Structures are given as C-alpha cells and as structure tokens.
C-alpha cells in the first residue's frame, strides 16, 4: 500500500499528513488533481460495470452503486 501512496504522492494526487487525533497515524488526503483522476476513472469504467451487472457477475452491484452515491463528498479532504 505504501508504494501505491508513494506513487500517487509523487504525481501530486495525494498528500500525507500526521493524524489529527493520533499523531502516530498518517492520513492520506486526496488532492484536487487526485479527485479529478478518480472521477475520470469511475466514468471510464461505468460501461464495464453495467456489462457485469447485466450478466449478474457481480452480485449486489446495484446496492454498491447506491451506497457510493450516498457518500458525502464534503468529507473528502482537499488541499496541499
């Protein structure tokens, strides 16, 4: 996991910060460019997800999509 975060950090997609409540923890915050990439990737894969859903290869994909839509984007941390 650390290697993936390292790569994302090098591309200015995320930033690591010391934990707010527990300074021993490291929080990974998605930056604006990272959010843009996540959105692009999600949009690009929608046809694949629809295809899988149509063929019942992923049980519960509809409920997963519904839960993801409920996510509060305001809770995503932006900034440098």
N, C-alpha and C. Protein backbone atom coordinates (compact mmCIF):
# COMPACT_ATOMS: atom_id res chain seq x y z
N UNK A 1 0.83 -1.18 0.00
CA UNK A 1 0.00 0.00 0.00
C UNK A 1 0.88 1.25 0.00
N UNK A 2 1.94 1.23 0.75
CA UNK A 2 2.81 2.40 0.85
C UNK A 2 3.40 2.77 -0.51
N UNK A 3 3.73 1.77 -1.32
CA UNK A 3 4.31 2.04 -2.64
C UNK A 3 3.28 2.77 -3.52
N UNK A 4 2.04 2.33 -3.46
CA UNK A 4 0.97 2.98 -4.24
C UNK A 4 0.79 4.42 -3.79
N UNK A 5 0.76 4.65 -2.49
CA UNK A 5 0.62 6.01 -1.97
C UNK A 5 1.84 6.84 -2.36
N UNK A 6 3.03 6.26 -2.32
CA UNK A 6 4.23 6.96 -2.75
C UNK A 6 4.08 7.44 -4.20
N UNK A 7 3.64 6.55 -5.07
CA UNK A 7 3.47 6.89 -6.49
C UNK A 7 2.43 7.99 -6.66
N UNK A 8 1.33 7.90 -5.94
CA UNK A 8 0.28 8.92 -6.03
C UNK A 8 0.78 10.25 -5.50
N UNK A 9 1.58 10.21 -4.46
CA UNK A 9 2.13 11.43 -3.87
C UNK A 9 3.11 12.10 -4.85
N UNK A 10 3.92 11.30 -5.53
CA UNK A 10 4.87 11.84 -6.50
C UNK A 10 4.15 12.52 -7.66
N UNK A 11 2.94 12.09 -7.96
CA UNK A 11 2.16 12.67 -9.06
C UNK A 11 1.22 13.78 -8.56
N UNK A 12 1.38 14.19 -7.31
CA UNK A 12 0.56 15.25 -6.69
C UNK A 12 -0.93 14.91 -6.69
N UNK A 13 -1.24 13.62 -6.49
CA UNK A 13 -2.63 13.18 -6.40
C UNK A 13 -3.10 13.13 -4.96
N UNK A 14 -2.17 12.86 -4.05
CA UNK A 14 -2.49 12.76 -2.62
C UNK A 14 -1.38 13.45 -1.82
N UNK A 15 -1.69 13.70 -0.57
CA UNK A 15 -0.69 14.22 0.36
C UNK A 15 -0.85 13.47 1.68
N UNK A 16 0.28 13.17 2.31
CA UNK A 16 0.24 12.52 3.62
C UNK A 16 0.30 13.60 4.70
N UNK A 17 -0.47 13.37 5.76
CA UNK A 17 -0.44 14.28 6.91
C UNK A 17 -0.48 13.45 8.19
N UNK A 18 0.11 14.01 9.22
CA UNK A 18 0.06 13.37 10.53
C UNK A 18 -1.40 13.32 10.99
N UNK A 19 -1.78 12.22 11.67
CA UNK A 19 -3.14 12.06 12.16
C UNK A 19 -3.57 13.20 13.06
N UNK A 20 -4.83 13.61 12.91
CA UNK A 20 -5.34 14.72 13.73
C UNK A 20 -5.56 14.30 15.17
N UNK A 21 -6.09 13.11 15.35
CA UNK A 21 -6.40 12.64 16.70
C UNK A 21 -5.28 11.79 17.29
N UNK A 22 -4.57 11.09 16.44
CA UNK A 22 -3.48 10.22 16.89
C UNK A 22 -2.27 10.52 16.01
N UNK A 23 -1.30 11.21 16.57
CA UNK A 23 -0.15 11.65 15.80
C UNK A 23 0.72 10.51 15.29
N UNK A 24 0.47 9.29 15.78
CA UNK A 24 1.20 8.13 15.28
C UNK A 24 0.66 7.68 13.93
N UNK A 25 -0.54 8.10 13.61
CA UNK A 25 -1.17 7.72 12.34
C UNK A 25 -0.79 8.70 11.24
N UNK A 26 -0.85 8.20 10.02
CA UNK A 26 -0.65 9.04 8.84
C UNK A 26 -1.93 8.99 8.03
N UNK A 27 -2.47 10.18 7.76
CA UNK A 27 -3.68 10.28 6.93
C UNK A 27 -3.25 10.57 5.50
N UNK A 28 -3.96 10.00 4.55
CA UNK A 28 -3.71 10.26 3.14
C UNK A 28 -4.91 11.06 2.64
N UNK A 29 -4.63 12.26 2.14
CA UNK A 29 -5.68 13.17 1.68
C UNK A 29 -5.62 13.29 0.16
N UNK A 30 -6.77 13.15 -0.46
CA UNK A 30 -6.89 13.27 -1.90
C UNK A 30 -6.85 14.74 -2.29
N UNK A 31 -5.94 15.09 -3.19
CA UNK A 31 -5.83 16.46 -3.68
C UNK A 31 -6.78 16.67 -4.86
N UNK A 32 -6.93 17.89 -5.30
CA UNK A 32 -7.87 18.20 -6.37
C UNK A 32 -7.58 17.39 -7.63
N UNK A 33 -6.31 17.29 -8.02
CA UNK A 33 -5.95 16.50 -9.21
C UNK A 33 -6.27 15.03 -9.00
N UNK A 34 -6.09 14.54 -7.78
CA UNK A 34 -6.44 13.14 -7.47
C UNK A 34 -7.93 12.91 -7.61
N UNK A 35 -8.73 13.83 -7.13
CA UNK A 35 -10.19 13.69 -7.26
C UNK A 35 -10.60 13.71 -8.72
N UNK A 36 -9.95 14.56 -9.50
CA UNK A 36 -10.23 14.61 -10.94
C UNK A 36 -9.94 13.27 -11.60
N UNK A 37 -8.81 12.67 -11.24
CA UNK A 37 -8.45 11.36 -11.81
C UNK A 37 -9.42 10.27 -11.38
N UNK A 38 -9.81 10.28 -10.11
CA UNK A 38 -10.77 9.28 -9.62
C UNK A 38 -12.08 9.39 -10.40
N UNK A 39 -12.53 10.62 -10.63
CA UNK A 39 -13.77 10.84 -11.38
C UNK A 39 -13.62 10.32 -12.80
N UNK A 40 -12.51 10.61 -13.44
CA UNK A 40 -12.27 10.12 -14.81
C UNK A 40 -12.27 8.60 -14.87
N UNK A 41 -11.62 7.97 -13.91
CA UNK A 41 -11.54 6.51 -13.89
C UNK A 41 -12.92 5.91 -13.66
N UNK A 42 -13.67 6.47 -12.73
CA UNK A 42 -15.02 5.96 -12.44
C UNK A 42 -15.90 6.07 -13.67
N UNK A 43 -15.84 7.22 -14.35
CA UNK A 43 -16.65 7.40 -15.56
C UNK A 43 -16.23 6.44 -16.65
N UNK A 44 -14.94 6.22 -16.80
CA UNK A 44 -14.43 5.33 -17.84
C UNK A 44 -14.86 3.88 -17.64
N UNK A 45 -15.06 3.48 -16.38
CA UNK A 45 -15.38 2.08 -16.09
C UNK A 45 -16.88 1.82 -15.94
N UNK A 46 -17.71 2.83 -16.06
CA UNK A 46 -19.16 2.63 -15.95
C UNK A 46 -19.69 1.61 -16.97
N UNK A 47 -19.27 1.65 -18.24
CA UNK A 47 -19.77 0.64 -19.18
C UNK A 47 -19.42 -0.79 -18.75
N UNK A 48 -18.21 -0.98 -18.22
CA UNK A 48 -17.82 -2.32 -17.75
C UNK A 48 -18.70 -2.77 -16.59
N UNK A 49 -18.96 -1.87 -15.66
CA UNK A 49 -19.80 -2.21 -14.51
C UNK A 49 -21.22 -2.55 -14.97
N UNK A 50 -21.74 -1.79 -15.92
CA UNK A 50 -23.08 -2.09 -16.44
C UNK A 50 -23.10 -3.46 -17.11
N UNK A 51 -22.05 -3.77 -17.86
CA UNK A 51 -21.96 -5.08 -18.53
C UNK A 51 -21.94 -6.21 -17.50
N UNK A 52 -21.13 -6.05 -16.47
CA UNK A 52 -21.06 -7.07 -15.42
C UNK A 52 -22.40 -7.21 -14.70
N UNK A 53 -23.03 -6.08 -14.44
CA UNK A 53 -24.32 -6.11 -13.76
C UNK A 53 -25.36 -6.83 -14.62
N UNK A 54 -25.34 -6.56 -15.91
CA UNK A 54 -26.30 -7.19 -16.82
C UNK A 54 -26.12 -8.71 -16.87
N UNK A 55 -24.93 -9.17 -16.65
CA UNK A 55 -24.65 -10.60 -16.70
C UNK A 55 -24.59 -11.23 -15.31
N UNK A 56 -24.96 -10.48 -14.31
CA UNK A 56 -25.03 -10.98 -12.93
C UNK A 56 -23.70 -11.51 -12.42
N UNK A 57 -22.60 -10.97 -12.91
CA UNK A 57 -21.29 -11.42 -12.46
C UNK A 57 -20.92 -10.81 -11.13
N UNK A 58 -21.50 -9.68 -10.83
CA UNK A 58 -21.23 -9.05 -9.55
C UNK A 58 -22.53 -8.91 -8.78
N UNK A 59 -22.75 -9.81 -7.87
CA UNK A 59 -23.96 -9.74 -7.05
C UNK A 59 -23.92 -8.48 -6.21
N UNK A 60 -25.02 -7.80 -6.20
CA UNK A 60 -25.14 -6.63 -5.35
C UNK A 60 -24.53 -5.35 -5.89
N UNK A 61 -24.15 -5.31 -7.17
CA UNK A 61 -23.53 -4.10 -7.70
C UNK A 61 -24.49 -2.92 -7.61
N UNK A 62 -25.78 -3.16 -7.76
CA UNK A 62 -26.75 -2.07 -7.67
C UNK A 62 -26.74 -1.45 -6.29
N UNK A 63 -26.72 -2.29 -5.26
CA UNK A 63 -26.71 -1.75 -3.91
C UNK A 63 -25.38 -1.06 -3.62
N UNK A 64 -24.29 -1.56 -4.18
CA UNK A 64 -22.99 -0.91 -4.01
C UNK A 64 -23.01 0.47 -4.65
N UNK A 65 -23.52 0.55 -5.88
CA UNK A 65 -23.61 1.84 -6.55
C UNK A 65 -24.47 2.81 -5.76
N UNK A 66 -25.57 2.33 -5.20
CA UNK A 66 -26.45 3.19 -4.41
C UNK A 66 -25.72 3.72 -3.18
N UNK A 67 -24.95 2.84 -2.52
CA UNK A 67 -24.21 3.27 -1.34
C UNK A 67 -23.13 4.29 -1.71
N UNK A 68 -22.46 4.07 -2.83
CA UNK A 68 -21.42 5.00 -3.26
C UNK A 68 -22.01 6.37 -3.56
N UNK A 69 -23.20 6.40 -4.12
CA UNK A 69 -23.85 7.67 -4.43
C UNK A 69 -24.22 8.43 -3.15
N UNK A 70 -24.41 7.70 -2.05
CA UNK A 70 -24.75 8.34 -0.78
C UNK A 70 -23.54 8.99 -0.12
N UNK A 71 -22.32 8.64 -0.58
CA UNK A 71 -21.10 9.17 0.04
C UNK A 71 -21.13 10.69 0.01
N UNK A 72 -20.73 11.26 1.10
CA UNK A 72 -20.70 12.70 1.24
C UNK A 72 -19.36 13.23 0.77
N UNK A 73 -19.33 13.79 -0.42
CA UNK A 73 -18.08 14.28 -0.99
C UNK A 73 -17.49 15.38 -0.13
N UNK A 74 -18.32 16.06 0.66
CA UNK A 74 -17.81 17.11 1.53
C UNK A 74 -16.82 16.56 2.56
N UNK A 75 -16.85 15.27 2.81
CA UNK A 75 -15.93 14.68 3.79
C UNK A 75 -14.57 14.33 3.20
N UNK A 76 -14.42 14.50 1.89
CA UNK A 76 -13.12 14.26 1.28
C UNK A 76 -12.26 15.49 1.51
N UNK A 77 -11.03 15.29 1.94
CA UNK A 77 -10.14 16.41 2.29
C UNK A 77 -9.34 16.83 1.07
N UNK A 78 -9.43 18.08 0.71
CA UNK A 78 -8.68 18.65 -0.39
C UNK A 78 -7.62 19.59 0.16
N UNK A 79 -6.69 19.94 -0.67
CA UNK A 79 -5.71 20.94 -0.29
C UNK A 79 -4.30 20.40 -0.28
N UNK A 80 -3.40 21.29 -0.01
CA UNK A 80 -2.00 20.87 -0.03
C UNK A 80 -1.44 20.74 1.35
